[in-house]
Protein backbone atom coordinates (compact mmCIF):
# COMPACT_ATOMS: atom_id res chain seq x y z
CA MET A 1 0.00 0.00 0.00
CA THR A 2 1.02 3.62 -0.36
CA ASP A 3 2.34 5.51 2.62
CA ASN A 4 -0.91 7.48 2.86
CA GLY A 5 -3.07 4.38 3.09
CA PHE A 6 -4.86 4.73 -0.22
CA LEU A 7 -7.26 1.87 -1.03
CA SER A 8 -7.26 0.75 2.57
CA GLY A 9 -9.39 2.19 5.32
CA ARG A 10 -12.11 4.56 4.16
CA LEU A 11 -12.69 5.23 0.46
CA LEU A 12 -15.03 7.79 -1.08
CA LEU A 13 -16.42 6.84 -4.52
CA VAL A 14 -17.72 9.80 -6.52
CA ALA A 15 -19.98 10.25 -9.57
CA PHE A 16 -21.99 13.22 -10.85
CA GLU A 17 -24.83 13.48 -13.32
CA GLY A 18 -24.30 15.82 -16.25
CA TRP A 19 -21.21 16.61 -18.29
CA ASN A 20 -19.12 13.89 -16.63
CA ASP A 21 -21.75 11.14 -16.99
CA ALA A 22 -22.29 10.09 -20.61
CA GLY A 23 -24.87 7.33 -20.87
CA GLU A 24 -25.50 7.70 -17.11
CA ALA A 25 -22.68 5.17 -16.77
CA ALA A 26 -20.83 6.63 -13.78
CA THR A 27 -23.85 7.40 -11.62
CA GLY A 28 -25.35 4.08 -12.72
CA ALA A 29 -22.31 2.23 -11.39
CA LEU A 30 -22.53 3.92 -7.99
CA GLN A 31 -26.28 3.32 -7.78
CA VAL A 32 -25.55 -0.39 -8.23
CA LEU A 33 -23.05 -0.21 -5.36
CA ARG A 34 -25.44 1.81 -3.23
CA GLY A 35 -28.01 -0.96 -3.52
CA GLN A 36 -25.50 -3.46 -2.14
CA LEU A 37 -24.04 -1.40 0.71
CA ASP A 38 -25.43 -0.63 4.17
CA VAL A 39 -25.13 3.13 3.67
CA VAL A 40 -27.28 6.08 4.74
CA PRO A 41 -27.08 9.81 3.92
CA ILE A 42 -24.57 11.52 6.20
CA SER A 43 -24.22 14.86 4.42
CA GLU A 44 -26.22 16.80 1.82
CA VAL A 45 -25.37 20.09 0.16
CA ASP A 46 -27.71 23.09 0.12
CA THR A 47 -29.39 22.90 -3.29
CA GLU A 48 -30.20 26.64 -3.30
CA GLU A 49 -26.50 27.41 -2.85
CA TYR A 50 -25.09 25.38 -5.73
CA PHE A 51 -27.75 24.76 -8.37
CA ASP A 52 -29.47 26.90 -10.98
CA PHE A 53 -32.91 25.33 -11.27
CA GLN A 54 -33.38 26.59 -14.81
CA PHE A 55 -30.32 24.54 -15.72
CA ASN A 56 -30.75 21.64 -13.28
CA ARG A 57 -34.53 21.45 -13.06
CA PRO A 58 -36.36 19.52 -10.33
CA SER A 59 -38.33 16.53 -11.51
CA VAL A 60 -41.62 14.93 -10.52
CA GLU A 61 -41.62 11.27 -9.52
CA VAL A 62 -44.17 8.85 -8.08
CA ASP A 63 -43.11 7.40 -4.73
CA ASP A 64 -43.77 3.92 -3.36
CA GLU A 65 -47.15 5.04 -2.03
CA GLY A 66 -48.30 6.40 -5.39
CA ARG A 67 -47.84 10.06 -4.50
CA ARG A 68 -46.29 12.58 -6.89
CA VAL A 69 -43.26 14.16 -5.25
CA LEU A 70 -40.70 16.76 -6.32
CA VAL A 71 -37.07 15.63 -6.45
CA TRP A 72 -34.58 18.49 -6.37
CA PRO A 73 -31.07 18.33 -7.83
CA GLY A 74 -28.39 17.99 -5.21
CA ALA A 75 -25.44 15.95 -3.99
CA THR A 76 -25.40 13.50 -1.10
CA VAL A 77 -22.59 11.72 0.72
CA TYR A 78 -23.58 8.24 1.90
CA GLY A 79 -21.69 6.46 4.65
CA PRO A 80 -21.90 3.24 6.67
CA ASP A 81 -25.10 2.79 8.67
CA SER A 82 -24.08 2.81 12.33
CA ASP A 83 -27.42 1.21 13.25
CA ALA A 84 -26.96 -1.77 10.92
CA PRO A 85 -26.62 -5.19 12.62
CA ALA A 86 -23.05 -6.05 13.53
CA ASP A 87 -23.19 -9.21 11.43
CA ALA A 88 -24.44 -7.38 8.32
CA ILE A 89 -21.16 -7.55 6.41
CA SER A 90 -21.30 -6.38 2.79
CA THR A 91 -19.47 -8.40 0.13
CA LEU A 92 -18.24 -5.05 -1.17
CA GLU A 93 -16.10 -4.33 1.86
CA GLY A 94 -13.17 -6.31 3.15
CA PRO A 95 -11.52 -6.20 6.58
CA GLY A 96 -10.47 -2.67 7.45
CA THR A 97 -12.23 -1.14 4.44
CA SER A 98 -15.30 1.10 4.44
CA LEU A 99 -16.89 2.54 1.31
CA TYR A 100 -18.55 5.95 1.17
CA LEU A 101 -20.44 7.26 -1.87
CA LEU A 102 -20.94 10.76 -3.23
CA ILE A 103 -23.72 10.86 -5.82
CA GLY A 104 -25.33 13.97 -7.24
CA ALA A 105 -25.71 16.43 -10.09
CA GLU A 106 -22.80 18.57 -11.21
CA PRO A 107 -23.30 21.97 -9.52
CA SER A 108 -23.98 24.96 -11.72
CA ARG A 109 -22.34 27.60 -9.50
CA ASN A 110 -20.04 28.20 -6.51
CA TRP A 111 -17.75 25.31 -7.42
CA ARG A 112 -14.98 26.35 -5.03
CA LYS A 113 -17.33 26.50 -2.07
CA PHE A 114 -19.01 23.25 -3.11
CA THR A 115 -15.64 21.52 -3.36
CA ALA A 116 -14.51 22.86 0.00
CA GLU A 117 -17.68 21.50 1.61
CA ILE A 118 -17.16 18.04 0.12
CA ILE A 119 -13.50 17.95 1.15
CA ALA A 120 -14.41 19.07 4.67
CA THR A 121 -16.85 16.16 4.90
CA ALA A 122 -14.19 13.76 3.62
CA LEU A 123 -11.69 14.97 6.22
CA ALA A 124 -14.28 14.77 9.00
CA GLU A 125 -15.02 11.16 8.02
CA ASP A 126 -11.28 10.34 7.88
CA ILE A 127 -11.44 9.39 4.18
CA GLY A 128 -8.11 7.96 3.04
CA GLY A 129 -8.65 8.00 -0.73
CA ILE A 130 -11.09 9.16 -3.38
CA VAL A 131 -12.08 7.32 -6.57
CA LEU A 132 -13.82 9.49 -9.15
CA LEU A 133 -15.93 7.86 -11.86
CA GLY A 134 -16.72 9.54 -15.16
CA ALA A 135 -17.99 8.71 -18.62
CA MET A 136 -17.48 10.64 -21.86
CA LEU A 137 -18.81 10.58 -25.39
CA ALA A 138 -16.18 9.40 -27.85
CA ASP A 139 -15.68 8.06 -31.38
CA VAL A 140 -15.81 4.41 -30.32
CA PRO A 141 -17.82 1.46 -31.64
CA HIS A 142 -20.47 -0.12 -29.44
CA THR A 143 -19.43 -3.58 -30.67
CA ARG A 144 -16.04 -3.53 -28.96
CA PRO A 145 -15.18 -3.59 -25.24
CA ILE A 146 -15.70 -0.25 -23.54
CA SER A 147 -12.41 1.62 -23.19
CA ILE A 148 -11.52 2.39 -19.58
CA PHE A 149 -8.72 4.71 -18.50
CA ALA A 150 -7.52 5.17 -14.93
CA THR A 151 -5.23 8.05 -13.98
CA SER A 152 -3.91 9.70 -10.85
CA GLU A 153 -2.08 12.90 -9.99
CA ASN A 154 -0.53 11.24 -6.94
CA PRO A 155 2.95 9.78 -7.69
CA LEU A 156 2.72 7.16 -4.94
CA VAL A 157 -0.63 5.90 -6.21
CA ARG A 158 0.63 5.84 -9.81
CA SER A 159 3.64 3.79 -8.79
CA GLU A 160 1.68 1.40 -6.56
CA TYR A 161 -1.09 0.67 -9.08
CA GLU A 162 0.78 1.25 -12.35
CA LEU A 163 -1.45 4.11 -13.41
CA GLU A 164 -0.73 7.02 -15.70
CA ARG A 165 -0.85 10.75 -15.17
CA SER A 166 -3.33 12.51 -17.42
CA SER A 167 -1.74 14.71 -20.09
CA TYR A 168 -5.02 16.44 -20.92
CA GLU A 169 -5.19 20.24 -21.14
CA GLY A 170 -8.53 21.97 -21.60
CA PRO A 171 -11.97 22.46 -20.00
CA VAL A 172 -12.77 20.18 -17.07
CA GLY A 173 -15.74 19.12 -15.00
CA ILE A 174 -16.34 19.03 -11.28
CA LEU A 175 -14.47 15.71 -10.97
CA SER A 176 -11.16 17.37 -11.86
CA VAL A 177 -11.83 20.21 -9.44
CA LEU A 178 -12.53 17.74 -6.63
CA SER A 179 -9.43 15.73 -7.49
CA ASP A 180 -7.24 18.82 -7.35
CA ALA A 181 -8.72 19.88 -4.01
CA ALA A 182 -8.36 16.39 -2.58
CA GLU A 183 -4.66 16.21 -3.44
CA ALA A 184 -4.16 19.66 -1.89
CA ALA A 185 -5.83 18.38 1.28
CA GLY A 186 -3.60 15.30 1.39
CA ILE A 187 -6.21 12.84 0.12
CA PRO A 188 -4.93 10.87 -2.91
CA SER A 189 -7.34 10.23 -5.75
CA VAL A 190 -7.83 8.09 -8.84
CA ALA A 191 -10.03 9.00 -11.81
CA ILE A 192 -11.65 6.22 -13.84
CA TRP A 193 -13.22 7.13 -17.20
CA ALA A 194 -15.34 5.10 -19.59
CA SER A 195 -15.85 5.92 -23.27
CA VAL A 196 -19.44 5.84 -24.57
CA PRO A 197 -20.28 5.80 -28.32
CA HIS A 198 -21.40 9.31 -29.17
CA TYR A 199 -23.96 8.10 -31.72
CA VAL A 200 -26.13 6.67 -28.93
CA HIS A 201 -25.68 9.55 -26.50
CA ASN A 202 -29.38 9.87 -25.67
CA ALA A 203 -29.72 6.43 -24.08
CA PRO A 204 -28.27 4.99 -20.86
CA SER A 205 -25.31 2.70 -21.50
CA PRO A 206 -25.37 -0.37 -19.24
CA LYS A 207 -22.31 -1.71 -21.07
CA ALA A 208 -20.28 1.30 -19.90
CA THR A 209 -21.71 0.98 -16.39
CA LEU A 210 -20.62 -2.66 -16.32
CA ALA A 211 -17.13 -1.74 -17.55
CA LEU A 212 -16.72 0.83 -14.76
CA ILE A 213 -17.85 -1.70 -12.16
CA GLU A 214 -15.34 -4.23 -13.46
CA LYS A 215 -12.54 -1.66 -13.23
CA LEU A 216 -13.58 -0.80 -9.69
CA GLU A 217 -13.48 -4.47 -8.75
CA GLU A 218 -9.97 -4.72 -10.14
CA LEU A 219 -8.70 -1.54 -8.53
CA ILE A 220 -10.13 -1.74 -5.02
CA ASP A 221 -10.58 -5.52 -4.73
CA ILE A 222 -14.34 -5.79 -4.27
CA THR A 223 -16.99 -8.11 -5.67
CA VAL A 224 -20.16 -6.53 -7.03
CA GLU A 225 -23.29 -8.47 -7.84
CA ARG A 226 -24.25 -7.79 -11.46
CA GLY A 227 -27.96 -8.53 -11.24
CA ALA A 228 -29.55 -7.90 -14.63
CA LEU A 229 -26.74 -5.59 -15.77
CA ALA A 230 -25.09 -8.15 -18.08
CA ASP A 231 -28.40 -8.90 -19.82
CA GLU A 232 -29.15 -5.17 -20.12
CA SER A 233 -25.71 -4.63 -21.65
CA ALA A 234 -26.30 -7.35 -24.25
CA ALA A 235 -29.75 -5.95 -25.04
CA TRP A 236 -28.28 -2.45 -25.44
CA GLU A 237 -25.75 -3.72 -27.98
CA THR A 238 -28.37 -5.76 -29.84
CA GLY A 239 -30.68 -2.76 -30.02
CA ILE A 240 -27.96 -0.58 -31.59
CA ASP A 241 -27.18 -3.38 -34.05
CA ALA A 242 -30.82 -3.31 -35.13
CA LEU A 243 -30.76 0.46 -35.62
CA ALA A 244 -27.56 0.24 -37.67
CA GLY A 245 -29.11 -2.52 -39.78
CA ASP A 246 -31.72 -0.03 -40.97
CA ASP A 247 -29.27 2.81 -41.58
CA GLU A 248 -26.51 2.27 -44.14
CA ASP A 249 -24.64 5.45 -43.22
CA MET A 250 -24.63 4.54 -39.54
CA ALA A 251 -23.49 0.98 -40.32
CA ALA A 252 -20.65 2.26 -42.50
CA TYR A 253 -19.56 4.72 -39.84
CA ILE A 254 -19.55 2.01 -37.14
CA GLN A 255 -17.45 -0.18 -39.44
CA GLN A 256 -14.89 2.64 -39.75
CA LEU A 257 -14.77 2.93 -35.98
CA GLU A 258 -14.28 -0.84 -35.64
CA GLN A 259 -11.40 -0.82 -38.11
CA ALA A 260 -9.71 2.07 -36.32
CA ARG A 261 -10.18 0.42 -32.92
CA ASP A 262 -8.88 -2.93 -34.14
CA THR A 263 -5.79 -1.24 -35.57
CA VAL A 264 -5.04 0.41 -32.24
CA ASP A 265 -5.63 -2.82 -30.30
CA SER A 266 -3.61 -5.09 -32.59
CA PRO A 267 -0.46 -6.59 -31.01
CA GLU A 268 1.76 -5.29 -33.82
CA ALA A 269 0.50 -1.72 -33.54
CA THR A 270 3.20 0.89 -32.91
CA GLY A 271 2.79 4.50 -31.91
CA ASP A 272 3.56 5.69 -35.45
CA ALA A 273 1.15 3.17 -36.97
CA ILE A 274 -1.61 4.26 -34.62
CA ALA A 275 -0.96 7.92 -35.43
CA GLN A 276 -1.06 7.22 -39.17
CA GLU A 277 -4.32 5.30 -38.80
CA PHE A 278 -5.79 8.14 -36.77
CA GLU A 279 -4.82 10.72 -39.40
CA ARG A 280 -6.23 8.52 -42.20
CA TYR A 281 -9.40 8.12 -40.22
CA LEU A 282 -9.80 11.87 -39.75
CA ARG A 283 -9.20 12.60 -43.45
CA LYS A 284 -11.74 9.97 -44.46
CA ARG A 285 -14.29 11.30 -42.00
CA GLY A 286 -13.80 14.93 -43.06
CA PRO A 287 -14.68 18.09 -41.17
CA GLY A 288 -18.17 18.22 -39.79
CA GLY A 289 -18.65 14.47 -40.17
CA PRO A 290 -19.94 12.11 -37.50
CA GLY A 291 -18.18 12.75 -34.21
CA ASP A 292 -16.27 15.73 -35.55
CA GLY A 293 -13.91 16.81 -32.77
CA ARG A 294 -14.92 20.45 -33.17
CA ALA A 295 -18.45 19.60 -32.08
CA GLY A 296 -17.75 17.03 -29.41
CA GLY A 297 -14.36 17.80 -27.94
CA PRO A 298 -11.09 15.86 -28.31
CA SER A 299 -11.75 12.40 -29.65
CA GLY A 300 -10.28 9.52 -31.59
CA PRO A 301 -10.43 5.84 -32.40
CA ALA A 302 -8.76 4.60 -29.25
CA GLY A 303 -11.88 5.60 -27.40
CA SER A 304 -11.05 8.15 -24.76
CA GLY A 305 -12.06 11.47 -26.27
CA GLY A 306 -13.59 13.40 -23.45
CA PRO A 307 -13.35 16.32 -21.06
CA ASP A 308 -10.70 15.01 -18.69
CA GLU A 309 -8.86 12.28 -20.59
CA PRO A 310 -8.54 12.71 -24.39
CA TRP A 311 -7.40 10.01 -26.77
CA ARG A 312 -3.69 9.60 -26.91
CA ARG A 313 -1.23 7.02 -28.23
CA ASP A 314 0.81 5.93 -25.22
């Protein structure tokens, strides 16, 4: 383990709806974990302080008793239930490990104050490490495994878990702001990003949710029950196949993405070969074509074109 105890003791897992949550993959992953943990709300932010309700509108839902209720945007930290039976041990937590969750909508104002409040809660709860989950739209095919990238700004964590340091420069979301504040407060962090095909951006992506859960299992040594997630992932892929079968342009575009991805993933691929394939791909696509980087941010065939971790040929 690292000297600062990362990945042992108390871990805070974080996901936000909005810009950092393509296909609802990141928040979906934490909702799966929330259903399997004995956690209760321990801290909630003031919605009036951090949210513009014309941008993050409240929604109407029907509760278990059939009543229509308003649900306001916000962010909640969940922690272990102190009233849970002593023998109620979750399969998600090993000896000496406790998982906390932060789930909410990306705030629309007062980011510095919001971040300071979250970090204060983390310090009060003696959190030893933070894992931030995100998902981005990218030029990737739905028929291939979801690309997952894990990075850290902490040199000890990078060395211990063989992670990379992000080389991205550009606009960021609240996850990057929280990561920066956490490191400044002495709490190491890891960011895990999934790439979601941009041509199905309007629908939830259970395949990306599943990929994030699998990476979490690998990184922090937990076992998560999948439930119906694997079947939902297969149905998601089959549904997109059916749409592409009725749209020649979409099918041709997906085939281009598959070829580019297969080139990058091939054992004989070199950095120069990948770069040449990427350039050929961009010329063939042309400006303004599907997934044009000018409309959707940095992107490319390796499948990590997003706000905090663009495609690169490492």
